[in-house]
C-alpha atoms as a PDB file:
ATOM      1  CA  UNK A   1       6.681  22.589 -57.438  1.00  0.00           C
ATOM      2  CA  UNK A   2       8.829  19.517 -58.005  1.00  0.00           C
ATOM      3  CA  UNK A   3       9.605  17.230 -55.118  1.00  0.00           C
ATOM      4  CA  UNK A   4      13.167  16.988 -56.623  1.00  0.00           C
ATOM      5  CA  UNK A   5      15.951  18.627 -54.743  1.00  0.00           C
ATOM      6  CA  UNK A   6      18.196  21.158 -56.452  1.00  0.00           C
ATOM      7  CA  UNK A   7      20.565  21.243 -53.347  1.00  0.00           C
ATOM      8  CA  UNK A   8      21.053  18.719 -50.677  1.00  0.00           C
ATOM      9  CA  UNK A   9      23.591  18.560 -48.002  1.00  0.00           C
ATOM     10  CA  UNK A  10      23.778  15.768 -45.326  1.00  0.00           C
ATOM     11  CA  UNK A  11      25.786  16.155 -42.227  1.00  0.00           C
ATOM     12  CA  UNK A  12      28.179  18.586 -43.817  1.00  0.00           C
ATOM     13  CA  UNK A  13      31.345  19.510 -41.974  1.00  0.00           C
ATOM     14  CA  UNK A  14      34.234  21.836 -42.860  1.00  0.00           C
ATOM     15  CA  UNK A  15      37.190  22.586 -40.729  1.00  0.00           C
ATOM     16  CA  UNK A  16      39.850  25.244 -41.314  1.00  0.00           C
ATOM     17  CA  UNK A  17      42.946  25.008 -39.156  1.00  0.00           C
ATOM     18  CA  UNK A  18      40.991  23.622 -36.212  1.00  0.00           C
ATOM     19  CA  UNK A  19      37.978  26.065 -36.645  1.00  0.00           C
ATOM     20  CA  UNK A  20      34.757  24.272 -37.649  1.00  0.00           C
ATOM     21  CA  UNK A  21      32.960  26.525 -40.224  1.00  0.00           C
ATOM     22  CA  UNK A  22      30.296  23.888 -40.824  1.00  0.00           C
ATOM     23  CA  UNK A  23      29.126  21.541 -37.963  1.00  0.00           C
ATOM     24  CA  UNK A  24      26.788  18.985 -39.541  1.00  0.00           C
ATOM     25  CA  UNK A  25      24.886  21.206 -41.907  1.00  0.00           C
ATOM     26  CA  UNK A  26      21.733  19.588 -43.336  1.00  0.00           C
ATOM     27  CA  UNK A  27      20.190  21.604 -46.164  1.00  0.00           C
ATOM     28  CA  UNK A  28      17.363  20.909 -48.665  1.00  0.00           C
ATOM     29  CA  UNK A  29      16.393  23.322 -51.541  1.00  0.00           C
ATOM     30  CA  UNK A  30      13.575  22.183 -53.668  1.00  0.00           C
ATOM     31  CA  UNK A  31      13.842  22.498 -57.463  1.00  0.00           C
ATOM     32  CA  UNK A  32      12.141  25.489 -58.895  1.00  0.00           C
ATOM     33  CA  UNK A  33      12.193  27.371 -55.735  1.00  0.00           C
ATOM     34  CA  UNK A  34      13.762  30.882 -54.798  1.00  0.00           C
ATOM     35  CA  UNK A  35      15.551  30.009 -51.601  1.00  0.00           C
ATOM     36  CA  UNK A  36      17.043  32.793 -49.291  1.00  0.00           C
ATOM     37  CA  UNK A  37      20.089  31.698 -47.367  1.00  0.00           C
ATOM     38  CA  UNK A  38      20.422  33.753 -44.062  1.00  0.00           C
ATOM     39  CA  UNK A  39      22.838  33.844 -41.353  1.00  0.00           C
ATOM     40  CA  UNK A  40      25.106  36.130 -39.235  1.00  0.00           C
ATOM     41  CA  UNK A  41      28.586  36.867 -40.340  1.00  0.00           C
ATOM     42  CA  UNK A  42      30.609  33.804 -39.721  1.00  0.00           C
ATOM     43  CA  UNK A  43      27.589  31.544 -39.710  1.00  0.00           C
ATOM     44  CA  UNK A  44      28.877  29.376 -42.475  1.00  0.00           C
ATOM     45  CA  UNK A  45      27.060  30.780 -45.567  1.00  0.00           C
ATOM     46  CA  UNK A  46      30.109  31.510 -47.657  1.00  0.00           C
ATOM     47  CA  UNK A  47      31.706  28.085 -46.783  1.00  0.00           C
ATOM     48  CA  UNK A  48      28.523  26.307 -47.772  1.00  0.00           C
ATOM     49  CA  UNK A  49      28.548  27.974 -51.157  1.00  0.00           C
ATOM     50  CA  UNK A  50      32.299  27.141 -51.671  1.00  0.00           C
ATOM     51  CA  UNK A  51      31.684  23.452 -50.875  1.00  0.00           C
ATOM     52  CA  UNK A  52      28.602  23.374 -53.170  1.00  0.00           C
ATOM     53  CA  UNK A  53      30.628  24.793 -55.973  1.00  0.00           C
ATOM     54  CA  UNK A  54      33.658  22.679 -55.508  1.00  0.00           C
ATOM     55  CA  UNK A  55      35.722  25.569 -54.475  1.00  0.00           C
ATOM     56  CA  UNK A  56      36.377  23.896 -51.092  1.00  0.00           C
ATOM     57  CA  UNK A  57      36.350  20.174 -49.973  1.00  0.00           C
ATOM     58  CA  UNK A  58      34.092  19.111 -47.186  1.00  0.00           C
ATOM     59  CA  UNK A  59      35.914  17.502 -44.172  1.00  0.00           C
ATOM     60  CA  UNK A  60      33.007  15.147 -43.821  1.00  0.00           C
ATOM     61  CA  UNK A  61      29.515  14.743 -45.106  1.00  0.00           C
ATOM     62  CA  UNK A  62      27.783  14.925 -48.480  1.00  0.00           C
ATOM     63  CA  UNK A  63      26.812  17.642 -50.806  1.00  0.00           C
ATOM     64  CA  UNK A  64      24.739  17.175 -53.962  1.00  0.00           C
ATOM     65  CA  UNK A  65      23.586  19.591 -56.634  1.00  0.00           C
ATOM     66  CA  UNK A  66      20.662  18.521 -59.140  1.00  0.00           C
ATOM     67  CA  UNK A  67      20.834  15.048 -57.786  1.00  0.00           C
ATOM     68  CA  UNK A  68      24.613  14.660 -58.508  1.00  0.00           C
ATOM     69  CA  UNK A  69      27.763  15.025 -56.297  1.00  0.00           C
ATOM     70  CA  UNK A  70      28.700  18.681 -56.032  1.00  0.00           C
ATOM     71  CA  UNK A  71      32.255  17.986 -57.274  1.00  0.00           C
ATOM     72  CA  UNK A  72      31.055  16.577 -60.517  1.00  0.00           C
ATOM     73  CA  UNK A  73      32.316  18.604 -63.573  1.00  0.00           C
ATOM     74  CA  UNK A  74      29.202  18.036 -65.619  1.00  0.00           C
ATOM     75  CA  UNK A  75      26.806  19.213 -62.971  1.00  0.00           C
ATOM     76  CA  UNK A  76      28.783  22.305 -62.576  1.00  0.00           C
ATOM     77  CA  UNK A  77      27.957  23.211 -66.216  1.00  0.00           C
ATOM     78  CA  UNK A  78      24.315  23.318 -65.200  1.00  0.00           C
ATOM     79  CA  UNK A  79      25.051  25.713 -62.365  1.00  0.00           C
ATOM     80  CA  UNK A  80      25.449  29.515 -62.595  1.00  0.00           C
ATOM     81  CA  UNK A  81      27.247  31.503 -59.894  1.00  0.00           C
ATOM     82  CA  UNK A  82      27.535  35.192 -59.039  1.00  0.00           C
ATOM     83  CA  UNK A  83      30.020  36.042 -56.428  1.00  0.00           C
ATOM     84  CA  UNK A  84      29.991  38.956 -54.051  1.00  0.00           C
ATOM     85  CA  UNK A  85      33.016  40.226 -55.843  1.00  0.00           C
ATOM     86  CA  UNK A  86      31.361  39.961 -59.311  1.00  0.00           C
ATOM     87  CA  UNK A  87      34.478  38.478 -60.824  1.00  0.00           C
ATOM     88  CA  UNK A  88      34.836  39.837 -64.358  1.00  0.00           C
ATOM     89  CA  UNK A  89      37.929  40.711 -66.654  1.00  0.00           C
ATOM     90  CA  UNK A  90      38.493  44.300 -66.240  1.00  0.00           C
ATOM     91  CA  UNK A  91      40.574  44.555 -69.413  1.00  0.00           C
ATOM     92  CA  UNK A  92      37.597  43.656 -71.615  1.00  0.00           C
ATOM     93  CA  UNK A  93      34.659  45.583 -72.689  1.00  0.00           C
ATOM     94  CA  UNK A  94      31.036  44.420 -71.898  1.00  0.00           C
ATOM     95  CA  UNK A  95      30.666  43.038 -75.483  1.00  0.00           C
ATOM     96  CA  UNK A  96      33.934  41.386 -75.256  1.00  0.00           C
ATOM     97  CA  UNK A  97      33.201  39.787 -71.915  1.00  0.00           C
ATOM     98  CA  UNK A  98      29.720  38.342 -73.250  1.00  0.00           C
ATOM     99  CA  UNK A  99      31.365  37.107 -76.429  1.00  0.00           C
ATOM    100  CA  UNK A 100      34.182  35.506 -74.354  1.00  0.00           C
ATOM    101  CA  UNK A 101      31.873  33.653 -72.064  1.00  0.00           C
ATOM    102  CA  UNK A 102      29.251  32.544 -74.685  1.00  0.00           C
ATOM    103  CA  UNK A 103      31.183  29.612 -76.279  1.00  0.00           C
ATOM    104  CA  UNK A 104      31.835  27.817 -73.028  1.00  0.00           C
ATOM    105  CA  UNK A 105      28.217  27.022 -72.642  1.00  0.00           C
ATOM    106  CA  UNK A 106      26.356  25.002 -75.386  1.00  0.00           C
ATOM    107  CA  UNK A 107      22.876  25.972 -73.998  1.00  0.00           C
ATOM    108  CA  UNK A 108      23.665  29.632 -74.087  1.00  0.00           C
ATOM    109  CA  UNK A 109      20.378  31.674 -74.755  1.00  0.00           C
ATOM    110  CA  UNK A 110      20.852  34.424 -77.252  1.00  0.00           C
ATOM    111  CA  UNK A 111      17.300  35.467 -76.691  1.00  0.00           C
ATOM    112  CA  UNK A 112      17.880  36.050 -73.101  1.00  0.00           C
ATOM    113  CA  UNK A 113      21.234  37.708 -73.873  1.00  0.00           C
ATOM    114  CA  UNK A 114      19.282  40.408 -75.957  1.00  0.00           C
ATOM    115  CA  UNK A 115      16.596  40.644 -73.399  1.00  0.00           C
ATOM    116  CA  UNK A 116      18.935  41.402 -70.522  1.00  0.00           C
ATOM    117  CA  UNK A 117      21.199  43.629 -72.498  1.00  0.00           C
ATOM    118  CA  UNK A 118      18.246  45.922 -73.015  1.00  0.00           C
ATOM    119  CA  UNK A 119      16.651  45.344 -69.566  1.00  0.00           C
ATOM    120  CA  UNK A 120      19.873  46.220 -67.710  1.00  0.00           C
ATOM    121  CA  UNK A 121      20.963  48.868 -70.275  1.00  0.00           C
ATOM    122  CA  UNK A 122      24.449  47.494 -70.485  1.00  0.00           C
ATOM    123  CA  UNK A 123      26.875  49.693 -72.415  1.00  0.00           C
ATOM    124  CA  UNK A 124      28.485  47.226 -74.857  1.00  0.00           C
ATOM    125  CA  UNK A 125      31.525  49.205 -75.729  1.00  0.00           C
ATOM    126  CA  UNK A 126      32.368  50.307 -72.164  1.00  0.00           C
ATOM    127  CA  UNK A 127      35.443  48.878 -70.416  1.00  0.00           C
ATOM    128  CA  UNK A 128      34.566  46.756 -67.498  1.00  0.00           C
ATOM    129  CA  UNK A 129      36.977  48.560 -65.244  1.00  0.00           C
ATOM    130  CA  UNK A 130      34.971  51.747 -65.814  1.00  0.00           C
ATOM    131  CA  UNK A 131      31.558  50.207 -64.839  1.00  0.00           C
ATOM    132  CA  UNK A 132      29.801  51.078 -61.565  1.00  0.00           C
ATOM    133  CA  UNK A 133      29.207  48.254 -59.043  1.00  0.00           C
ATOM    134  CA  UNK A 134      25.646  48.101 -60.029  1.00  0.00           C
ATOM    135  CA  UNK A 135      26.439  47.699 -63.718  1.00  0.00           C
ATOM    136  CA  UNK A 136      29.051  45.063 -62.963  1.00  0.00           C
ATOM    137  CA  UNK A 137      26.342  43.255 -60.997  1.00  0.00           C
ATOM    138  CA  UNK A 138      23.943  43.263 -63.878  1.00  0.00           C
ATOM    139  CA  UNK A 139      26.539  42.060 -66.328  1.00  0.00           C
ATOM    140  CA  UNK A 140      27.636  39.176 -63.970  1.00  0.00           C
ATOM    141  CA  UNK A 141      23.839  38.303 -63.618  1.00  0.00           C
ATOM    142  CA  UNK A 142      23.419  38.354 -67.399  1.00  0.00           C
ATOM    143  CA  UNK A 143      26.323  35.982 -67.862  1.00  0.00           C
ATOM    144  CA  UNK A 144      24.716  33.714 -65.297  1.00  0.00           C
ATOM    145  CA  UNK A 145      21.198  33.749 -66.564  1.00  0.00           C
ATOM    146  CA  UNK A 146      22.017  33.255 -70.308  1.00  0.00           C
ATOM    147  CA  UNK A 147      24.203  30.046 -69.897  1.00  0.00           C
ATOM    148  CA  UNK A 148      21.054  27.903 -69.642  1.00  0.00           C
ATOM    149  CA  UNK A 149      21.744  26.871 -65.974  1.00  0.00           C
ATOM    150  CA  UNK A 150      19.362  24.873 -64.001  1.00  0.00           C
ATOM    151  CA  UNK A 151      20.551  26.239 -60.707  1.00  0.00           C
ATOM    152  CA  UNK A 152      21.748  29.820 -59.954  1.00  0.00           C
ATOM    153  CA  UNK A 153      23.769  30.488 -56.766  1.00  0.00           C
ATOM    154  CA  UNK A 154      24.204  34.071 -55.670  1.00  0.00           C
ATOM    155  CA  UNK A 155      26.431  35.460 -52.847  1.00  0.00           C
ATOM    156  CA  UNK A 156      25.026  38.806 -51.735  1.00  0.00           C
ATOM    157  CA  UNK A 157      23.673  39.735 -55.175  1.00  0.00           C
ATOM    158  CA  UNK A 158      22.544  43.268 -54.237  1.00  0.00           C
ATOM    159  CA  UNK A 159      25.518  44.157 -51.932  1.00  0.00           C
ATOM    160  CA  UNK A 160      26.503  47.837 -52.332  1.00  0.00           C
ATOM    161  CA  UNK A 161      23.668  48.598 -54.784  1.00  0.00           C
ATOM    162  CA  UNK A 162      21.291  51.505 -54.405  1.00  0.00           C
ATOM    163  CA  UNK A 163      17.647  50.701 -53.705  1.00  0.00           C
ATOM    164  CA  UNK A 164      16.612  51.254 -57.449  1.00  0.00           C
ATOM    165  CA  UNK A 165      19.408  48.977 -58.791  1.00  0.00           C
ATOM    166  CA  UNK A 166      18.673  46.297 -56.020  1.00  0.00           C
ATOM    167  CA  UNK A 167      15.042  46.330 -57.122  1.00  0.00           C
ATOM    168  CA  UNK A 168      16.009  45.783 -60.759  1.00  0.00           C
ATOM    169  CA  UNK A 169      18.135  42.739 -59.904  1.00  0.00           C
ATOM    170  CA  UNK A 170      15.432  41.239 -57.628  1.00  0.00           C
ATOM    171  CA  UNK A 171      12.700  41.664 -60.218  1.00  0.00           C
ATOM    172  CA  UNK A 172      14.917  40.140 -62.960  1.00  0.00           C
ATOM    173  CA  UNK A 173      15.379  37.014 -60.643  1.00  0.00           C
ATOM    174  CA  UNK A 174      11.706  36.794 -59.977  1.00  0.00           C
ATOM    175  CA  UNK A 175      10.764  37.094 -63.654  1.00  0.00           C
ATOM    176  CA  UNK A 176      13.409  34.764 -64.734  1.00  0.00           C
ATOM    177  CA  UNK A 177      12.297  31.943 -62.453  1.00  0.00           C
ATOM    178  CA  UNK A 178       8.691  32.536 -63.513  1.00  0.00           C
ATOM    179  CA  UNK A 179       9.577  32.053 -67.186  1.00  0.00           C
ATOM    180  CA  UNK A 180      12.331  29.297 -66.841  1.00  0.00           C
ATOM    181  CA  UNK A 181      12.793  26.050 -65.074  1.00  0.00           C
ATOM    182  CA  UNK A 182      15.335  27.271 -62.646  1.00  0.00           C
ATOM    183  CA  UNK A 183      16.199  27.220 -58.937  1.00  0.00           C
ATOM    184  CA  UNK A 184      17.671  30.189 -57.236  1.00  0.00           C
ATOM    185  CA  UNK A 185      19.700  29.995 -54.105  1.00  0.00           C
ATOM    186  CA  UNK A 186      20.961  33.274 -52.664  1.00  0.00           C
ATOM    187  CA  UNK A 187      22.706  34.369 -49.614  1.00  0.00           C
ATOM    188  CA  UNK A 188      22.024  37.819 -48.218  1.00  0.00           C
ATOM    189  CA  UNK A 189      22.098  39.965 -45.236  1.00  0.00           C
ATOM    190  CA  UNK A 190      19.159  41.905 -46.452  1.00  0.00           C
ATOM    191  CA  UNK A 191      16.262  40.195 -44.777  1.00  0.00           C
ATOM    192  CA  UNK A 192      13.674  42.489 -46.434  1.00  0.00           C
ATOM    193  CA  UNK A 193      14.810  41.440 -49.802  1.00  0.00           C
ATOM    194  CA  UNK A 194      14.717  37.743 -48.992  1.00  0.00           C
ATOM    195  CA  UNK A 195      11.127  38.335 -47.540  1.00  0.00           C
ATOM    196  CA  UNK A 196      10.288  40.034 -50.982  1.00  0.00           C
ATOM    197  CA  UNK A 197      11.231  37.370 -53.427  1.00  0.00           C
ATOM    198  CA  UNK A 198      11.976  34.063 -51.535  1.00  0.00           C
ATOM    199  CA  UNK A 199       9.497  31.247 -51.269  1.00  0.00           C
ATOM    200  CA  UNK A 200      11.880  29.085 -49.188  1.00  0.00           C
ATOM    201  CA  UNK A 201      14.428  30.081 -46.637  1.00  0.00           C
ATOM    202  CA  UNK A 202      17.286  28.420 -44.693  1.00  0.00           C
ATOM    203  CA  UNK A 203      18.807  30.108 -41.666  1.00  0.00           C
ATOM    204  CA  UNK A 204      22.190  28.947 -40.569  1.00  0.00           C
ATOM    205  CA  UNK A 205      24.042  29.721 -37.301  1.00  0.00           C
ATOM    206  CA  UNK A 206      27.411  28.408 -36.041  1.00  0.00           C
ATOM    207  CA  UNK A 207      27.702  26.049 -39.178  1.00  0.00           C
ATOM    208  CA  UNK A 208      24.249  24.339 -38.766  1.00  0.00           C
ATOM    209  CA  UNK A 209      20.783  24.898 -40.178  1.00  0.00           C
ATOM    210  CA  UNK A 210      18.490  26.191 -37.399  1.00  0.00           C
ATOM    211  CA  UNK A 211      15.350  27.057 -39.445  1.00  0.00           C
ATOM    212  CA  UNK A 212      14.413  25.831 -42.917  1.00  0.00           C
ATOM    213  CA  UNK A 213      11.237  25.462 -44.931  1.00  0.00           C
ATOM    214  CA  UNK A 214       8.693  27.132 -47.151  1.00  0.00           C
ATOM    215  CA  UNK A 215       8.346  30.648 -46.049  1.00  0.00           C
ATOM    216  CA  UNK A 216       4.556  30.864 -45.836  1.00  0.00           C
ATOM    217  CA  UNK A 217       4.522  27.790 -43.691  1.00  0.00           C
ATOM    218  CA  UNK A 218       7.175  29.291 -41.322  1.00  0.00           C
ATOM    219  CA  UNK A 219       5.207  32.422 -40.910  1.00  0.00           C
ATOM    220  CA  UNK A 220       2.111  30.400 -40.032  1.00  0.00           C
ATOM    221  CA  UNK A 221       4.055  28.121 -37.596  1.00  0.00           C
ATOM    222  CA  UNK A 222       5.703  30.933 -35.621  1.00  0.00           C
ATOM    223  CA  UNK A 223       3.265  32.960 -33.660  1.00  0.00           C
ATOM    224  CA  UNK A 224       3.420  35.467 -30.828  1.00  0.00           C
ATOM    225  CA  UNK A 225       1.019  34.694 -27.988  1.00  0.00           C
ATOM    226  CA  UNK A 226       0.331  37.619 -25.611  1.00  0.00           C
ATOM    227  CA  UNK A 227      -1.156  36.769 -22.181  1.00  0.00           C
ATOM    228  CA  UNK A 228      -2.643  39.624 -19.994  1.00  0.00           C
ATOM    229  CA  UNK A 229      -3.336  38.966 -16.337  1.00  0.00           C
ATOM    230  CA  UNK A 230      -5.336  40.816 -13.662  1.00  0.00           C
ATOM    231  CA  UNK A 231      -2.214  41.025 -11.617  1.00  0.00           C
ATOM    232  CA  UNK A 232       1.471  40.520 -12.186  1.00  0.00           C
ATOM    233  CA  UNK A 233       2.284  37.951 -14.804  1.00  0.00           C
ATOM    234  CA  UNK A 234       3.204  34.527 -13.167  1.00  0.00           C
ATOM    235  CA  UNK A 235       6.861  33.603 -13.201  1.00  0.00           C
ATOM    236  CA  UNK A 236       6.485  30.028 -14.011  1.00  0.00           C
ATOM    237  CA  UNK A 237       8.200  27.801 -16.560  1.00  0.00           C
ATOM    238  CA  UNK A 238       6.186  27.017 -19.710  1.00  0.00           C
ATOM    239  CA  UNK A 239       6.523  23.435 -20.555  1.00  0.00           C
ATOM    240  CA  UNK A 240       4.800  23.373 -23.946  1.00  0.00           C
ATOM    241  CA  UNK A 241       6.934  22.190 -26.774  1.00  0.00           C
ATOM    242  CA  UNK A 242       8.152  24.782 -29.338  1.00  0.00           C
ATOM    243  CA  UNK A 243       8.509  27.712 -26.928  1.00  0.00           C
ATOM    244  CA  UNK A 244      11.250  29.957 -28.419  1.00  0.00           C
ATOM    245  CA  UNK A 245      11.302  32.965 -25.956  1.00  0.00           C
ATOM    246  CA  UNK A 246       9.289  34.229 -23.090  1.00  0.00           C
ATOM    247  CA  UNK A 247       9.329  37.838 -21.810  1.00  0.00           C
ATOM    248  CA  UNK A 248       7.476  39.270 -18.855  1.00  0.00           C
ATOM    249  CA  UNK A 249       6.477  42.930 -18.492  1.00  0.00           C
ATOM    250  CA  UNK A 250       4.253  43.702 -15.490  1.00  0.00           C
ATOM    251  CA  UNK A 251       0.750  42.127 -16.218  1.00  0.00           C
ATOM    252  CA  UNK A 252       1.900  40.835 -19.776  1.00  0.00           C
ATOM    253  CA  UNK A 253       3.485  37.604 -20.663  1.00  0.00           C
ATOM    254  CA  UNK A 254       4.648  37.377 -24.258  1.00  0.00           C
ATOM    255  CA  UNK A 255       5.637  34.099 -25.766  1.00  0.00           C
ATOM    256  CA  UNK A 256       7.180  33.324 -29.131  1.00  0.00           C
ATOM    257  CA  UNK A 257       6.312  29.798 -30.069  1.00  0.00           C
ATOM    258  CA  UNK A 258       6.330  27.206 -32.853  1.00  0.00           C
ATOM    259  CA  UNK A 259       3.384  25.240 -31.301  1.00  0.00           C
ATOM    260  CA  UNK A 260       0.674  27.762 -30.847  1.00  0.00           C
ATOM    261  CA  UNK A 261      -2.179  25.368 -29.829  1.00  0.00           C
ATOM    262  CA  UNK A 262      -0.128  23.484 -27.189  1.00  0.00           C
ATOM    263  CA  UNK A 263       0.851  26.779 -25.577  1.00  0.00           C
ATOM    264  CA  UNK A 264      -2.641  28.209 -25.580  1.00  0.00           C
ATOM    265  CA  UNK A 265      -3.932  25.096 -23.773  1.00  0.00           C
ATOM    266  CA  UNK A 266      -1.265  25.346 -21.198  1.00  0.00           C
ATOM    267  CA  UNK A 267      -1.766  29.220 -20.914  1.00  0.00           C
ATOM    268  CA  UNK A 268      -5.418  28.653 -20.013  1.00  0.00           C
ATOM    269  CA  UNK A 269      -4.322  26.875 -16.896  1.00  0.00           C
ATOM    270  CA  UNK A 270      -2.707  30.182 -15.719  1.00  0.00           C
ATOM    271  CA  UNK A 271      -6.109  31.995 -15.923  1.00  0.00           C
ATOM    272  CA  UNK A 272      -5.153  34.876 -17.995  1.00  0.00           C
ATOM    273  CA  UNK A 273      -7.592  37.755 -18.560  1.00  0.00           C
ATOM    274  CA  UNK A 274      -7.110  37.692 -22.293  1.00  0.00           C
ATOM    275  CA  UNK A 275      -5.061  35.749 -24.856  1.00  0.00           C
ATOM    276  CA  UNK A 276      -4.022  37.329 -28.210  1.00  0.00           C
ATOM    277  CA  UNK A 277      -2.172  35.602 -31.037  1.00  0.00           C
ATOM    278  CA  UNK A 278      -0.289  37.680 -33.698  1.00  0.00           C
ATOM    279  CA  UNK A 279       2.084  36.642 -36.615  1.00  0.00           C
ATOM    280  CA  UNK A 280       5.749  37.383 -36.521  1.00  0.00           C
ATOM    281  CA  UNK A 281       7.950  38.651 -39.264  1.00  0.00           C
ATOM    282  CA  UNK A 282      10.915  36.909 -41.100  1.00  0.00           C
ATOM    283  CA  UNK A 283      13.180  39.237 -39.301  1.00  0.00           C
ATOM    284  CA  UNK A 284      11.849  38.222 -35.861  1.00  0.00           C
ATOM    285  CA  UNK A 285      12.057  34.501 -36.781  1.00  0.00           C
ATOM    286  CA  UNK A 286      15.660  35.121 -37.786  1.00  0.00           C
ATOM    287  CA  UNK A 287      16.673  37.126 -34.792  1.00  0.00           C
ATOM    288  CA  UNK A 288      15.108  34.755 -32.354  1.00  0.00           C
ATOM    289  CA  UNK A 289      16.552  31.607 -34.157  1.00  0.00           C
ATOM    290  CA  UNK A 290      20.135  32.886 -34.005  1.00  0.00           C
ATOM    291  CA  UNK A 291      19.825  34.092 -30.437  1.00  0.00           C
ATOM    292  CA  UNK A 292      18.500  30.882 -28.900  1.00  0.00           C
ATOM    293  CA  UNK A 293      20.311  28.090 -30.760  1.00  0.00           C
ATOM    294  CA  UNK A 294      23.525  26.710 -29.018  1.00  0.00           C
END
């Protein structure tokens, strides 16, 4: 994977009528990655995407796409976007929508157009207003993939889709990135889908990045350490760096940590009967991150 960054924000702030939607957001998305963008409702995901696309102006800070300022008109030609609303012209047919879009993009890929027409089984003569939500999503995705973009930004791409259609969309994204030089940055509430296709993640909460990095490295970094004692688990503060959460249940002390070795060394001074280390899921990392950050 290239060391270049497809997306970078530095101390990004956005204020709406006194409400701070972004509070110093720092974000780095490596070129060539599939990056899942996670956060609770109101965490700042949609605002971040709007600033990146030039649909909103940052109050303070810097945002760059493909090495250029995000507001640059030329760089926006290299970026594809599919919104949650799947904005399309309802009065057109599928064929008309594709034909209308094609001339705007000199790098339009007719080979990919034919590929995704067949893969998505798009009814060329059907009016867009009569399409199901899933078919609208697939058409919007075709328009984004065929334009020859270097970066694809998706806002809740599988929202409202049944599991079969959602799987089609996810597999299309994975296959496309494998065959083309492209970066995908997608926001989602579906943690299982992010876990399925992403190789990088960024978790935001209250307008700031709280966790970010390569997914496999994060899985390795976060561990659950379970300490079992002969009697009641000691009620003492753990001073090791990286402790995220501590729970006590009778003889058992369970610790979620980002620094396993330091914690285990401290735990041994408490004389537990046993020490077990187990991995945690992306869902657990997400839940603990948004619960504990201020």
